[in-house]
Amino acid sequence: QVQLVESGGGLVQAGGSLRLSCAASGRTFSSNAMGWFRQAPGKEREFVAGISWSGGSTNYADSVKGRFFISRDNAKNTVYLQMNSLTPEDTAVYYCAADRTAYAAVVTTRHAYDYWGQGTQVTVSS
């Protein structure tokens, strides 16, 4: 059974940092691009960051550029999202996802991702 399990969410004050992890099990995703999405109450799920299978290419939503950094460790089958300078607008449930196509470029559309984690809540207080 393929699973993506996020961890590292929580409550943090504005200006603080959190590091999210996404551990995959059941199969390796070392050949697949990975992404982080988020969904705030009453809003659509939106792309946050993505990383190519090798880690050599990344893509970020404009709203998080320069504050969030995605990385991966293929040996551990794990993807990370370092979030700095958090604001209340970053409050959401954060999901990691795996692209269905091996060796594909990073894409920002959720429909390209076949595997999803259950999400981890990030709450930023003002």
PDB file of N, CA and C in Angstrom:
ATOM      1  N   GLN A   1       0.855  -1.195   0.000  1.00  0.00           N
ATOM      2  CA  GLN A   1       0.000   0.000   0.000  1.00  0.00           C
ATOM      3  C   GLN A   1       0.887   1.240   0.000  1.00  0.00           C
ATOM      4  N   VAL A   2       0.632   2.112  -0.970  1.00  0.00           N
ATOM      5  CA  VAL A   2       1.419   3.336  -1.086  1.00  0.00           C
ATOM      6  C   VAL A   2       0.876   4.375  -0.113  1.00  0.00           C
ATOM      7  N   GLN A   3       1.787   4.972   0.629  1.00  0.00           N
ATOM      8  CA  GLN A   3       1.390   6.008   1.572  1.00  0.00           C
ATOM      9  C   GLN A   3       2.356   7.169   1.538  1.00  0.00           C
ATOM     10  N   LEU A   4       1.803   8.362   1.645  1.00  0.00           N
ATOM     11  CA  LEU A   4       2.588   9.574   1.878  1.00  0.00           C
ATOM     12  C   LEU A   4       2.120  10.119   3.218  1.00  0.00           C
ATOM     13  N   VAL A   5       3.052  10.314   4.119  1.00  0.00           N
ATOM     14  CA  VAL A   5       2.689  10.754   5.465  1.00  0.00           C
ATOM     15  C   VAL A   5       3.432  12.040   5.782  1.00  0.00           C
ATOM     16  N   GLU A   6       2.653  13.111   5.968  1.00  0.00           N
ATOM     17  CA  GLU A   6       3.238  14.399   6.321  1.00  0.00           C
ATOM     18  C   GLU A   6       3.366  14.528   7.829  1.00  0.00           C
ATOM     19  N   SER A   7       4.345  15.299   8.230  1.00  0.00           N
ATOM     20  CA  SER A   7       4.535  15.607   9.649  1.00  0.00           C
ATOM     21  C   SER A   7       5.228  16.959   9.764  1.00  0.00           C
ATOM     22  N   GLY A   8       5.214  17.502  10.970  1.00  0.00           N
ATOM     23  CA  GLY A   8       5.921  18.750  11.223  1.00  0.00           C
ATOM     24  C   GLY A   8       5.043  19.971  11.325  1.00  0.00           C
ATOM     25  N   GLY A   9       3.753  19.815  11.071  1.00  0.00           N
ATOM     26  CA  GLY A   9       2.862  20.957  11.200  1.00  0.00           C
ATOM     27  C   GLY A   9       2.660  21.338  12.657  1.00  0.00           C
ATOM     28  N   GLY A  10       1.981  22.461  12.853  1.00  0.00           N
ATOM     29  CA  GLY A  10       1.713  22.905  14.215  1.00  0.00           C
ATOM     30  C   GLY A  10       1.343  24.363  14.260  1.00  0.00           C
ATOM     31  N   LEU A  11       1.384  24.904  15.466  1.00  0.00           N
ATOM     32  CA  LEU A  11       1.051  26.309  15.702  1.00  0.00           C
ATOM     33  C   LEU A  11       2.342  27.090  15.881  1.00  0.00           C
ATOM     34  N   VAL A  12       2.456  28.187  15.164  1.00  0.00           N
ATOM     35  CA  VAL A  12       3.658  29.011  15.251  1.00  0.00           C
ATOM     36  C   VAL A  12       3.253  30.473  15.164  1.00  0.00           C
ATOM     37  N   GLN A  13       4.037  31.338  15.772  1.00  0.00           N
ATOM     38  CA  GLN A  13       3.759  32.770  15.691  1.00  0.00           C
ATOM     39  C   GLN A  13       4.245  33.330  14.360  1.00  0.00           C
ATOM     40  N   ALA A  14       3.642  34.412  13.950  1.00  0.00           N
ATOM     41  CA  ALA A  14       4.066  35.088  12.730  1.00  0.00           C
ATOM     42  C   ALA A  14       5.565  35.407  12.812  1.00  0.00           C
ATOM     43  N   GLY A  15       6.243  35.163  11.694  1.00  0.00           N
ATOM     44  CA  GLY A  15       7.680  35.372  11.654  1.00  0.00           C
ATOM     45  C   GLY A  15       8.480  34.127  11.979  1.00  0.00           C
ATOM     46  N   GLY A  16       7.806  33.104  12.457  1.00  0.00           N
ATOM     47  CA  GLY A  16       8.481  31.874  12.835  1.00  0.00           C
ATOM     48  C   GLY A  16       8.693  30.937  11.656  1.00  0.00           C
ATOM     49  N   SER A  17       9.221  29.765  11.973  1.00  0.00           N
ATOM     50  CA  SER A  17       9.549  28.778  10.955  1.00  0.00           C
ATOM     51  C   SER A  17       9.017  27.405  11.339  1.00  0.00           C
ATOM     52  N   LEU A  18       8.768  26.611  10.322  1.00  0.00           N
ATOM     53  CA  LEU A  18       8.416  25.201  10.493  1.00  0.00           C
ATOM     54  C   LEU A  18       9.056  24.414   9.362  1.00  0.00           C
ATOM     55  N   ARG A  19       9.325  23.145   9.644  1.00  0.00           N
ATOM     56  CA  ARG A  19       9.832  22.261   8.605  1.00  0.00           C
ATOM     57  C   ARG A  19       8.895  21.078   8.494  1.00  0.00           C
ATOM     58  N   LEU A  20       8.273  20.938   7.333  1.00  0.00           N
ATOM     59  CA  LEU A  20       7.392  19.811   7.070  1.00  0.00           C
ATOM     60  C   LEU A  20       8.178  18.681   6.419  1.00  0.00           C
ATOM     61  N   SER A  21       7.797  17.467   6.745  1.00  0.00           N
ATOM     62  CA  SER A  21       8.383  16.286   6.123  1.00  0.00           C
ATOM     63  C   SER A  21       7.274  15.453   5.505  1.00  0.00           C
ATOM     64  N   CYS A  22       7.620  14.759   4.457  1.00  0.00           N
ATOM     65  CA  CYS A  22       6.678  13.847   3.803  1.00  0.00           C
ATOM     66  C   CYS A  22       7.427  12.556   3.518  1.00  0.00           C
ATOM     67  N   ALA A  23       7.075  11.512   4.238  1.00  0.00           N
ATOM     68  CA  ALA A  23       7.740  10.226   4.082  1.00  0.00           C
ATOM     69  C   ALA A  23       6.857   9.294   3.264  1.00  0.00           C
ATOM     70  N   ALA A  24       7.448   8.704   2.248  1.00  0.00           N
ATOM     71  CA  ALA A  24       6.718   7.785   1.383  1.00  0.00           C
ATOM     72  C   ALA A  24       7.030   6.346   1.764  1.00  0.00           C
ATOM     73  N   SER A  25       6.028   5.519   1.631  1.00  0.00           N
ATOM     74  CA  SER A  25       6.222   4.086   1.864  1.00  0.00           C
ATOM     75  C   SER A  25       5.397   3.308   0.864  1.00  0.00           C
ATOM     76  N   GLY A  26       5.743   2.062   0.672  1.00  0.00           N
ATOM     77  CA  GLY A  26       5.010   1.219  -0.257  1.00  0.00           C
ATOM     78  C   GLY A  26       5.613   1.184  -1.649  1.00  0.00           C
ATOM     79  N   ARG A  27       6.334   2.226  -2.007  1.00  0.00           N
ATOM     80  CA  ARG A  27       7.068   2.271  -3.271  1.00  0.00           C
ATOM     81  C   ARG A  27       8.012   3.455  -3.196  1.00  0.00           C
ATOM     82  N   THR A  28       8.968   3.474  -4.089  1.00  0.00           N
ATOM     83  CA  THR A  28       9.893   4.592  -4.136  1.00  0.00           C
ATOM     84  C   THR A  28       9.403   5.640  -5.138  1.00  0.00           C
ATOM     85  N   PHE A  29       9.624   6.899  -4.780  1.00  0.00           N
ATOM     86  CA  PHE A  29       9.277   7.990  -5.673  1.00  0.00           C
ATOM     87  C   PHE A  29      10.514   8.722  -6.157  1.00  0.00           C
ATOM     88  N   SER A  30      11.630   8.041  -6.132  1.00  0.00           N
ATOM     89  CA  SER A  30      12.887   8.690  -6.504  1.00  0.00           C
ATOM     90  C   SER A  30      12.917   9.097  -7.975  1.00  0.00           C
ATOM     91  N   SER A  31      12.004   8.572  -8.782  1.00  0.00           N
ATOM     92  CA  SER A  31      11.941   8.938 -10.193  1.00  0.00           C
ATOM     93  C   SER A  31      10.813   9.909 -10.513  1.00  0.00           C
ATOM     94  N   ASN A  32      10.142  10.401  -9.476  1.00  0.00           N
ATOM     95  CA  ASN A  32       8.956  11.229  -9.671  1.00  0.00           C
ATOM     96  C   ASN A  32       9.122  12.603  -9.041  1.00  0.00           C
ATOM     97  N   ALA A  33       8.614  13.598  -9.736  1.00  0.00           N
ATOM     98  CA  ALA A  33       8.541  14.916  -9.127  1.00  0.00           C
ATOM     99  C   ALA A  33       7.586  14.857  -7.936  1.00  0.00           C
ATOM    100  N   MET A  34       7.868  15.681  -6.954  1.00  0.00           N
ATOM    101  CA  MET A  34       7.043  15.755  -5.759  1.00  0.00           C
ATOM    102  C   MET A  34       6.604  17.189  -5.555  1.00  0.00           C
ATOM    103  N   GLY A  35       5.463  17.353  -4.929  1.00  0.00           N
ATOM    104  CA  GLY A  35       4.960  18.703  -4.708  1.00  0.00           C
ATOM    105  C   GLY A  35       4.346  18.868  -3.345  1.00  0.00           C
ATOM    106  N   TRP A  36       4.268  20.115  -2.927  1.00  0.00           N
ATOM    107  CA  TRP A  36       3.521  20.499  -1.728  1.00  0.00           C
ATOM    108  C   TRP A  36       2.381  21.424  -2.164  1.00  0.00           C
ATOM    109  N   PHE A  37       1.206  21.146  -1.647  1.00  0.00           N
ATOM    110  CA  PHE A  37       0.029  21.971  -1.875  1.00  0.00           C
ATOM    111  C   PHE A  37      -0.525  22.373  -0.509  1.00  0.00           C
ATOM    112  N   ARG A  38      -1.410  23.351  -0.515  1.00  0.00           N
ATOM    113  CA  ARG A  38      -2.068  23.728   0.726  1.00  0.00           C
ATOM    114  C   ARG A  38      -3.510  24.128   0.441  1.00  0.00           C
ATOM    115  N   GLN A  39      -4.315  23.994   1.470  1.00  0.00           N
ATOM    116  CA  GLN A  39      -5.722  24.357   1.347  1.00  0.00           C
ATOM    117  C   GLN A  39      -6.173  25.041   2.624  1.00  0.00           C
ATOM    118  N   ALA A  40      -6.567  26.294   2.478  1.00  0.00           N
ATOM    119  CA  ALA A  40      -7.103  27.063   3.591  1.00  0.00           C
ATOM    120  C   ALA A  40      -8.628  26.894   3.605  1.00  0.00           C
ATOM    121  N   PRO A  41      -9.271  27.117   4.743  1.00  0.00           N
ATOM    122  CA  PRO A  41     -10.728  26.959   4.828  1.00  0.00           C
ATOM    123  C   PRO A  41     -11.441  27.816   3.790  1.00  0.00           C
ATOM    124  N   GLY A  42     -12.344  27.198   3.043  1.00  0.00           N
ATOM    125  CA  GLY A  42     -13.131  27.915   2.062  1.00  0.00           C
ATOM    126  C   GLY A  42     -12.399  28.244   0.776  1.00  0.00           C
ATOM    127  N   LYS A  43     -11.179  27.744   0.632  1.00  0.00           N
ATOM    128  CA  LYS A  43     -10.402  28.039  -0.571  1.00  0.00           C
ATOM    129  C   LYS A  43     -10.027  26.758  -1.304  1.00  0.00           C
ATOM    130  N   GLU A  44      -9.642  26.930  -2.568  1.00  0.00           N
ATOM    131  CA  GLU A  44      -9.188  25.806  -3.367  1.00  0.00           C
ATOM    132  C   GLU A  44      -7.803  25.355  -2.900  1.00  0.00           C
ATOM    133  N   ARG A  45      -7.505  24.092  -3.141  1.00  0.00           N
ATOM    134  CA  ARG A  45      -6.167  23.603  -2.866  1.00  0.00           C
ATOM    135  C   ARG A  45      -5.223  24.229  -3.886  1.00  0.00           C
ATOM    136  N   GLU A  46      -4.115  24.778  -3.416  1.00  0.00           N
ATOM    137  CA  GLU A  46      -3.209  25.487  -4.298  1.00  0.00           C
ATOM    138  C   GLU A  46      -1.791  24.945  -4.207  1.00  0.00           C
ATOM    139  N   PHE A  47      -1.106  25.068  -5.319  1.00  0.00           N
ATOM    140  CA  PHE A  47       0.290  24.656  -5.396  1.00  0.00           C
ATOM    141  C   PHE A  47       1.157  25.566  -4.550  1.00  0.00           C
ATOM    142  N   VAL A  48       2.102  24.981  -3.842  1.00  0.00           N
ATOM    143  CA  VAL A  48       3.040  25.749  -3.027  1.00  0.00           C
ATOM    144  C   VAL A  48       4.460  25.622  -3.570  1.00  0.00           C
ATOM    145  N   ALA A  49       4.908  24.380  -3.750  1.00  0.00           N
ATOM    146  CA  ALA A  49       6.279  24.148  -4.209  1.00  0.00           C
ATOM    147  C   ALA A  49       6.379  22.771  -4.828  1.00  0.00           C
ATOM    148  N   GLY A  50       7.317  22.622  -5.755  1.00  0.00           N
ATOM    149  CA  GLY A  50       7.550  21.330  -6.380  1.00  0.00           C
ATOM    150  C   GLY A  50       9.030  21.119  -6.621  1.00  0.00           C
ATOM    151  N   ILE A  51       9.402  19.861  -6.714  1.00  0.00           N
ATOM    152  CA  ILE A  51      10.812  19.526  -6.925  1.00  0.00           C
ATOM    153  C   ILE A  51      10.902  18.355  -7.898  1.00  0.00           C
ATOM    154  N   SER A  52      11.853  18.421  -8.798  1.00  0.00           N
ATOM    155  CA  SER A  52      12.023  17.363  -9.789  1.00  0.00           C
ATOM    156  C   SER A  52      12.541  16.091  -9.126  1.00  0.00           C
ATOM    157  N   TRP A  53      12.533  15.023  -9.875  1.00  0.00           N
ATOM    158  CA  TRP A  53      12.927  13.729  -9.326  1.00  0.00           C
ATOM    159  C   TRP A  53      14.358  13.743  -8.798  1.00  0.00           C
ATOM    160  N   SER A  54      15.237  14.508  -9.467  1.00  0.00           N
ATOM    161  CA  SER A  54      16.636  14.546  -9.058  1.00  0.00           C
ATOM    162  C   SER A  54      16.896  15.605  -7.993  1.00  0.00           C
ATOM    163  N   GLY A  55      15.957  16.512  -7.830  1.00  0.00           N
ATOM    164  CA  GLY A  55      16.171  17.638  -6.917  1.00  0.00           C
ATOM    165  C   GLY A  55      16.837  18.812  -7.596  1.00  0.00           C
ATOM    166  N   GLY A  56      17.139  18.679  -8.882  1.00  0.00           N
ATOM    167  CA  GLY A  56      17.860  19.727  -9.578  1.00  0.00           C
ATOM    168  C   GLY A  56      17.009  20.895 -10.025  1.00  0.00           C
ATOM    169  N   SER A  57      15.715  20.725  -9.987  1.00  0.00           N
ATOM    170  CA  SER A  57      14.798  21.781 -10.416  1.00  0.00           C
ATOM    171  C   SER A  57      13.690  21.958  -9.395  1.00  0.00           C
ATOM    172  N   THR A  58      13.399  23.202  -9.065  1.00  0.00           N
ATOM    173  CA  THR A  58      12.326  23.499  -8.129  1.00  0.00           C
ATOM    174  C   THR A  58      11.425  24.588  -8.706  1.00  0.00           C
ATOM    175  N   ASN A  59      10.220  24.670  -8.154  1.00  0.00           N
ATOM    176  CA  ASN A  59       9.246  25.658  -8.596  1.00  0.00           C
ATOM    177  C   ASN A  59       8.450  26.085  -7.378  1.00  0.00           C
ATOM    178  N   TYR A  60       8.167  27.377  -7.268  1.00  0.00           N
ATOM    179  CA  TYR A  60       7.452  27.891  -6.108  1.00  0.00           C
ATOM    180  C   TYR A  60       6.315  28.809  -6.527  1.00  0.00           C
ATOM    181  N   ALA A  61       5.269  28.804  -5.744  1.00  0.00           N
ATOM    182  CA  ALA A  61       4.223  29.805  -5.911  1.00  0.00           C
ATOM    183  C   ALA A  61       4.807  31.175  -5.561  1.00  0.00           C
ATOM    184  N   ASP A  62       4.318  32.200  -6.237  1.00  0.00           N
ATOM    185  CA  ASP A  62       4.839  33.544  -5.998  1.00  0.00           C
ATOM    186  C   ASP A  62       4.708  33.949  -4.527  1.00  0.00           C
ATOM    187  N   SER A  63       3.651  33.484  -3.895  1.00  0.00           N
ATOM    188  CA  SER A  63       3.366  33.899  -2.524  1.00  0.00           C
ATOM    189  C   SER A  63       4.380  33.370  -1.508  1.00  0.00           C
ATOM    190  N   VAL A  64       5.163  32.358  -1.905  1.00  0.00           N
ATOM    191  CA  VAL A  64       6.106  31.768  -0.946  1.00  0.00           C
ATOM    192  C   VAL A  64       7.556  31.880  -1.389  1.00  0.00           C
ATOM    193  N   LYS A  65       7.782  32.425  -2.564  1.00  0.00           N
ATOM    194  CA  LYS A  65       9.159  32.535  -3.076  1.00  0.00           C
ATOM    195  C   LYS A  65      10.032  33.320  -2.116  1.00  0.00           C
ATOM    196  N   GLY A  66      11.202  32.791  -1.862  1.00  0.00           N
ATOM    197  CA  GLY A  66      12.135  33.436  -0.960  1.00  0.00           C
ATOM    198  C   GLY A  66      11.896  33.131   0.504  1.00  0.00           C
ATOM    199  N   ARG A  67      10.777  32.490   0.818  1.00  0.00           N
ATOM    200  CA  ARG A  67      10.475  32.138   2.216  1.00  0.00           C
ATOM    201  C   ARG A  67      10.432  30.631   2.428  1.00  0.00           C
ATOM    202  N   PHE A  68       9.946  29.895   1.434  1.00  0.00           N
ATOM    203  CA  PHE A  68       9.804  28.452   1.537  1.00  0.00           C
ATOM    204  C   PHE A  68      10.850  27.780   0.640  1.00  0.00           C
ATOM    205  N   PHE A  69      11.324  26.608   1.081  1.00  0.00           N
ATOM    206  CA  PHE A  69      12.334  25.891   0.314  1.00  0.00           C
ATOM    207  C   PHE A  69      12.012  24.403   0.365  1.00  0.00           C
ATOM    208  N   ILE A  70      11.925  23.820  -0.815  1.00  0.00           N
ATOM    209  CA  ILE A  70      11.616  22.393  -0.916  1.00  0.00           C
ATOM    210  C   ILE A  70      12.903  21.622  -1.189  1.00  0.00           C
ATOM    211  N   SER A  71      13.012  20.462  -0.609  1.00  0.00           N
ATOM    212  CA  SER A  71      14.173  19.604  -0.842  1.00  0.00           C
ATOM    213  C   SER A  71      13.723  18.157  -0.733  1.00  0.00           C
ATOM    214  N   ARG A  72      14.610  17.264  -1.116  1.00  0.00           N
ATOM    215  CA  ARG A  72      14.254  15.844  -1.034  1.00  0.00           C
ATOM    216  C   ARG A  72      15.493  15.024  -0.741  1.00  0.00           C
ATOM    217  N   ASP A  73      15.268  13.871  -0.144  1.00  0.00           N
ATOM    218  CA  ASP A  73      16.313  12.890   0.116  1.00  0.00           C
ATOM    219  C   ASP A  73      15.808  11.572  -0.442  1.00  0.00           C
ATOM    220  N   ASN A  74      16.233  11.235  -1.634  1.00  0.00           N
ATOM    221  CA  ASN A  74      15.721  10.034  -2.282  1.00  0.00           C
ATOM    222  C   ASN A  74      16.134   8.761  -1.545  1.00  0.00           C
ATOM    223  N   ALA A  75      17.239   8.794  -0.872  1.00  0.00           N
ATOM    224  CA  ALA A  75      17.666   7.621  -0.107  1.00  0.00           C
ATOM    225  C   ALA A  75      16.684   7.339   1.026  1.00  0.00           C
ATOM    226  N   LYS A  76      16.051   8.391   1.541  1.00  0.00           N
ATOM    227  CA  LYS A  76      15.080   8.235   2.621  1.00  0.00           C
ATOM    228  C   LYS A  76      13.647   8.276   2.104  1.00  0.00           C
ATOM    229  N   ASN A  77      13.478   8.460   0.787  1.00  0.00           N
ATOM    230  CA  ASN A  77      12.131   8.528   0.200  1.00  0.00           C
ATOM    231  C   ASN A  77      11.299   9.610   0.898  1.00  0.00           C
ATOM    232  N   THR A  78      11.946  10.755   1.128  1.00  0.00           N
ATOM    233  CA  THR A  78      11.331  11.821   1.918  1.00  0.00           C
ATOM    234  C   THR A  78      11.520  13.161   1.230  1.00  0.00           C
ATOM    235  N   VAL A  79      10.487  13.989   1.324  1.00  0.00           N
ATOM    236  CA  VAL A  79      10.509  15.353   0.804  1.00  0.00           C
ATOM    237  C   VAL A  79      10.267  16.304   1.967  1.00  0.00           C
ATOM    238  N   TYR A  80      10.910  17.456   1.905  1.00  0.00           N
ATOM    239  CA  TYR A  80      10.808  18.430   2.982  1.00  0.00           C
ATOM    240  C   TYR A  80      10.314  19.773   2.448  1.00  0.00           C
ATOM    241  N   LEU A  81       9.723  20.540   3.335  1.00  0.00           N
ATOM    242  CA  LEU A  81       9.363  21.918   3.027  1.00  0.00           C
ATOM    243  C   LEU A  81       9.762  22.769   4.218  1.00  0.00           C
ATOM    244  N   GLN A  82      10.806  23.568   4.025  1.00  0.00           N
ATOM    245  CA  GLN A  82      11.231  24.507   5.036  1.00  0.00           C
ATOM    246  C   GLN A  82      10.471  25.801   4.840  1.00  0.00           C
ATOM    247  N   MET A  83       9.753  26.223   5.880  1.00  0.00           N
ATOM    248  CA  MET A  83       8.916  27.408   5.782  1.00  0.00           C
ATOM    249  C   MET A  83       9.421  28.452   6.770  1.00  0.00           C
ATOM    250  N   ASN A  84       9.836  29.583   6.248  1.00  0.00           N
ATOM    251  CA  ASN A  84      10.367  30.671   7.062  1.00  0.00           C
ATOM    252  C   ASN A  84       9.490  31.904   6.946  1.00  0.00           C
ATOM    253  N   SER A  85       9.667  32.822   7.865  1.00  0.00           N
ATOM    254  CA  SER A  85       8.939  34.096   7.848  1.00  0.00           C
ATOM    255  C   SER A  85       7.442  33.873   7.630  1.00  0.00           C
ATOM    256  N   LEU A  86       6.898  32.975   8.392  1.00  0.00           N
ATOM    257  CA  LEU A  86       5.489  32.612   8.225  1.00  0.00           C
ATOM    258  C   LEU A  86       4.574  33.771   8.592  1.00  0.00           C
ATOM    259  N   THR A  87       3.474  33.845   7.877  1.00  0.00           N
ATOM    260  CA  THR A  87       2.444  34.857   8.134  1.00  0.00           C
ATOM    261  C   THR A  87       1.109  34.145   8.348  1.00  0.00           C
ATOM    262  N   PRO A  88       0.137  34.842   8.930  1.00  0.00           N
ATOM    263  CA  PRO A  88      -1.194  34.205   9.109  1.00  0.00           C
ATOM    264  C   PRO A  88      -1.794  33.719   7.782  1.00  0.00           C
ATOM    265  N   GLU A  89      -1.406  34.344   6.682  1.00  0.00           N
ATOM    266  CA  GLU A  89      -1.926  33.918   5.376  1.00  0.00           C
ATOM    267  C   GLU A  89      -1.403  32.547   4.950  1.00  0.00           C
ATOM    268  N   ASP A  90      -0.399  32.051   5.633  1.00  0.00           N
ATOM    269  CA  ASP A  90       0.126  30.710   5.345  1.00  0.00           C
ATOM    270  C   ASP A  90      -0.655  29.614   6.084  1.00  0.00           C
ATOM    271  N   THR A  91      -1.579  30.009   6.915  1.00  0.00           N
ATOM    272  CA  THR A  91      -2.384  29.029   7.651  1.00  0.00           C
ATOM    273  C   THR A  91      -3.199  28.182   6.688  1.00  0.00           C
ATOM    274  N   ALA A  92      -3.031  26.876   6.783  1.00  0.00           N
ATOM    275  CA  ALA A  92      -3.714  25.950   5.876  1.00  0.00           C
ATOM    276  C   ALA A  92      -3.355  24.520   6.270  1.00  0.00           C
ATOM    277  N   VAL A  93      -4.039  23.588   5.637  1.00  0.00           N
ATOM    278  CA  VAL A  93      -3.606  22.193   5.688  1.00  0.00           C
ATOM    279  C   VAL A  93      -2.648  21.990   4.519  1.00  0.00           C
ATOM    280  N   TYR A  94      -1.484  21.448   4.815  1.00  0.00           N
ATOM    281  CA  TYR A  94      -0.458  21.246   3.806  1.00  0.00           C
ATOM    282  C   TYR A  94      -0.403  19.767   3.414  1.00  0.00           C
ATOM    283  N   TYR A  95      -0.398  19.534   2.107  1.00  0.00           N
ATOM    284  CA  TYR A  95      -0.392  18.181   1.566  1.00  0.00           C
ATOM    285  C   TYR A  95       0.846  17.971   0.699  1.00  0.00           C
ATOM    286  N   CYS A  96       1.439  16.802   0.796  1.00  0.00           N
ATOM    287  CA  CYS A  96       2.462  16.467  -0.190  1.00  0.00           C
ATOM    288  C   CYS A  96       1.837  15.518  -1.208  1.00  0.00           C
ATOM    289  N   ALA A  97       2.435  15.503  -2.389  1.00  0.00           N
ATOM    290  CA  ALA A  97       1.886  14.718  -3.480  1.00  0.00           C
ATOM    291  C   ALA A  97       3.007  14.257  -4.401  1.00  0.00           C
ATOM    292  N   ALA A  98       2.757  13.145  -5.081  1.00  0.00           N
ATOM    293  CA  ALA A  98       3.728  12.587  -6.018  1.00  0.00           C
ATOM    294  C   ALA A  98       3.152  12.579  -7.418  1.00  0.00           C
ATOM    295  N   ASP A  99       3.934  13.076  -8.353  1.00  0.00           N
ATOM    296  CA  ASP A  99       3.523  13.085  -9.756  1.00  0.00           C
ATOM    297  C   ASP A  99       3.389  11.658 -10.264  1.00  0.00           C
ATOM    298  N   ARG A 100       2.438  11.406 -11.122  1.00  0.00           N
ATOM    299  CA  ARG A 100       2.209  10.058 -11.636  1.00  0.00           C
ATOM    300  C   ARG A 100       3.234   9.633 -12.677  1.00  0.00           C
ATOM    301  N   THR A 101       3.937  10.596 -13.306  1.00  0.00           N
ATOM    302  CA  THR A 101       4.806  10.285 -14.431  1.00  0.00           C
ATOM    303  C   THR A 101       6.274  10.338 -14.027  1.00  0.00           C
ATOM    304  N   ALA A 102       6.986   9.269 -14.295  1.00  0.00           N
ATOM    305  CA  ALA A 102       8.414   9.232 -13.963  1.00  0.00           C
ATOM    306  C   ALA A 102       9.187  10.223 -14.843  1.00  0.00           C
ATOM    307  N   TYR A 103      10.131  10.884 -14.210  1.00  0.00           N
ATOM    308  CA  TYR A 103      11.062  11.806 -14.875  1.00  0.00           C
ATOM    309  C   TYR A 103      10.369  13.006 -15.523  1.00  0.00           C
ATOM    310  N   ALA A 104       9.169  13.306 -15.086  1.00  0.00           N
ATOM    311  CA  ALA A 104       8.473  14.477 -15.618  1.00  0.00           C
ATOM    312  C   ALA A 104       8.995  15.747 -14.954  1.00  0.00           C
ATOM    313  N   ALA A 105       8.836  16.860 -15.664  1.00  0.00           N
ATOM    314  CA  ALA A 105       9.197  18.148 -15.084  1.00  0.00           C
ATOM    315  C   ALA A 105       8.194  18.504 -13.985  1.00  0.00           C
ATOM    316  N   VAL A 106       8.594  19.435 -13.157  1.00  0.00           N
ATOM    317  CA  VAL A 106       7.701  19.859 -12.084  1.00  0.00           C
ATOM    318  C   VAL A 106       6.505  20.587 -12.689  1.00  0.00           C
ATOM    319  N   VAL A 107       5.324  20.213 -12.278  1.00  0.00           N
ATOM    320  CA  VAL A 107       4.122  20.907 -12.723  1.00  0.00           C
ATOM    321  C   VAL A 107       3.376  21.448 -11.515  1.00  0.00           C
ATOM    322  N   THR A 108       2.586  22.472 -11.756  1.00  0.00           N
ATOM    323  CA  THR A 108       1.896  23.132 -10.646  1.00  0.00           C
ATOM    324  C   THR A 108       0.438  22.735 -10.520  1.00  0.00           C
ATOM    325  N   THR A 109      -0.060  21.972 -11.483  1.00  0.00           N
ATOM    326  CA  THR A 109      -1.473  21.604 -11.463  1.00  0.00           C
ATOM    327  C   THR A 109      -1.664  20.340 -10.643  1.00  0.00           C
ATOM    328  N   ARG A 110      -2.652  20.342  -9.766  1.00  0.00           N
ATOM    329  CA  ARG A 110      -2.879  19.223  -8.863  1.00  0.00           C
ATOM    330  C   ARG A 110      -3.254  17.947  -9.595  1.00  0.00           C
ATOM    331  N   HIS A 111      -3.817  18.066 -10.784  1.00  0.00           N
ATOM    332  CA  HIS A 111      -4.308  16.877 -11.480  1.00  0.00           C
ATOM    333  C   HIS A 111      -3.188  15.987 -12.002  1.00  0.00           C
ATOM    334  N   ALA A 112      -1.959  16.499 -12.015  1.00  0.00           N
ATOM    335  CA  ALA A 112      -0.819  15.685 -12.449  1.00  0.00           C
ATOM    336  C   ALA A 112      -0.330  14.764 -11.347  1.00  0.00           C
ATOM    337  N   TYR A 113      -0.830  14.979 -10.147  1.00  0.00           N
ATOM    338  CA  TYR A 113      -0.347  14.230  -8.989  1.00  0.00           C
ATOM    339  C   TYR A 113      -1.342  13.147  -8.614  1.00  0.00           C
ATOM    340  N   ASP A 114      -0.845  11.922  -8.557  1.00  0.00           N
ATOM    341  CA  ASP A 114      -1.714  10.777  -8.304  1.00  0.00           C
ATOM    342  C   ASP A 114      -1.771  10.373  -6.835  1.00  0.00           C
ATOM    343  N   TYR A 115      -0.703  10.616  -6.112  1.00  0.00           N
ATOM    344  CA  TYR A 115      -0.613  10.140  -4.731  1.00  0.00           C
ATOM    345  C   TYR A 115      -0.587  11.349  -3.798  1.00  0.00           C
ATOM    346  N   TRP A 116      -1.388  11.251  -2.741  1.00  0.00           N
ATOM    347  CA  TRP A 116      -1.517  12.374  -1.810  1.00  0.00           C
ATOM    348  C   TRP A 116      -1.418  11.882  -0.379  1.00  0.00           C
ATOM    349  N   GLY A 117      -0.833  12.734   0.454  1.00  0.00           N
ATOM    350  CA  GLY A 117      -0.843  12.463   1.874  1.00  0.00           C
ATOM    351  C   GLY A 117      -2.145  12.928   2.496  1.00  0.00           C
ATOM    352  N   GLN A 118      -2.268  12.707   3.803  1.00  0.00           N
ATOM    353  CA  GLN A 118      -3.499  13.067   4.501  1.00  0.00           C
ATOM    354  C   GLN A 118      -3.510  14.516   4.943  1.00  0.00           C
ATOM    355  N   GLY A 119      -2.361  15.172   4.882  1.00  0.00           N
ATOM    356  CA  GLY A 119      -2.280  16.580   5.228  1.00  0.00           C
ATOM    357  C   GLY A 119      -1.825  16.810   6.656  1.00  0.00           C
ATOM    358  N   THR A 120      -1.201  17.959   6.862  1.00  0.00           N
ATOM    359  CA  THR A 120      -0.794  18.382   8.197  1.00  0.00           C
ATOM    360  C   THR A 120      -1.163  19.851   8.369  1.00  0.00           C
ATOM    361  N   GLN A 121      -1.733  20.170   9.515  1.00  0.00           N
ATOM    362  CA  GLN A 121      -2.228  21.520   9.757  1.00  0.00           C
ATOM    363  C   GLN A 121      -1.090  22.449  10.146  1.00  0.00           C
ATOM    364  N   VAL A 122      -1.050  23.593   9.500  1.00  0.00           N
ATOM    365  CA  VAL A 122      -0.129  24.666   9.874  1.00  0.00           C
ATOM    366  C   VAL A 122      -0.966  25.877  10.235  1.00  0.00           C
ATOM    367  N   THR A 123      -0.782  26.379  11.439  1.00  0.00           N
ATOM    368  CA  THR A 123      -1.522  27.543  11.907  1.00  0.00           C
ATOM    369  C   THR A 123      -0.524  28.605  12.347  1.00  0.00           C
ATOM    370  N   VAL A 124      -0.651  29.783  11.773  1.00  0.00           N
ATOM    371  CA  VAL A 124       0.253  30.885  12.095  1.00  0.00           C
ATOM    372  C   VAL A 124      -0.556  31.966  12.803  1.00  0.00           C
ATOM    373  N   SER A 125      -0.187  32.260  14.011  1.00  0.00           N
ATOM    374  CA  SER A 125      -0.905  33.272  14.787  1.00  0.00           C
ATOM    375  C   SER A 125      -0.232  34.636  14.610  1.00  0.00           C
ATOM    376  N   SER A 126      -1.057  35.669  14.683  1.00  0.00           N
ATOM    377  CA  SER A 126      -0.525  37.035  14.495  1.00  0.00           C
ATOM    378  C   SER A 126      -0.066  37.646  15.808  1.00  0.00           C
TER     379      SER A 126
END
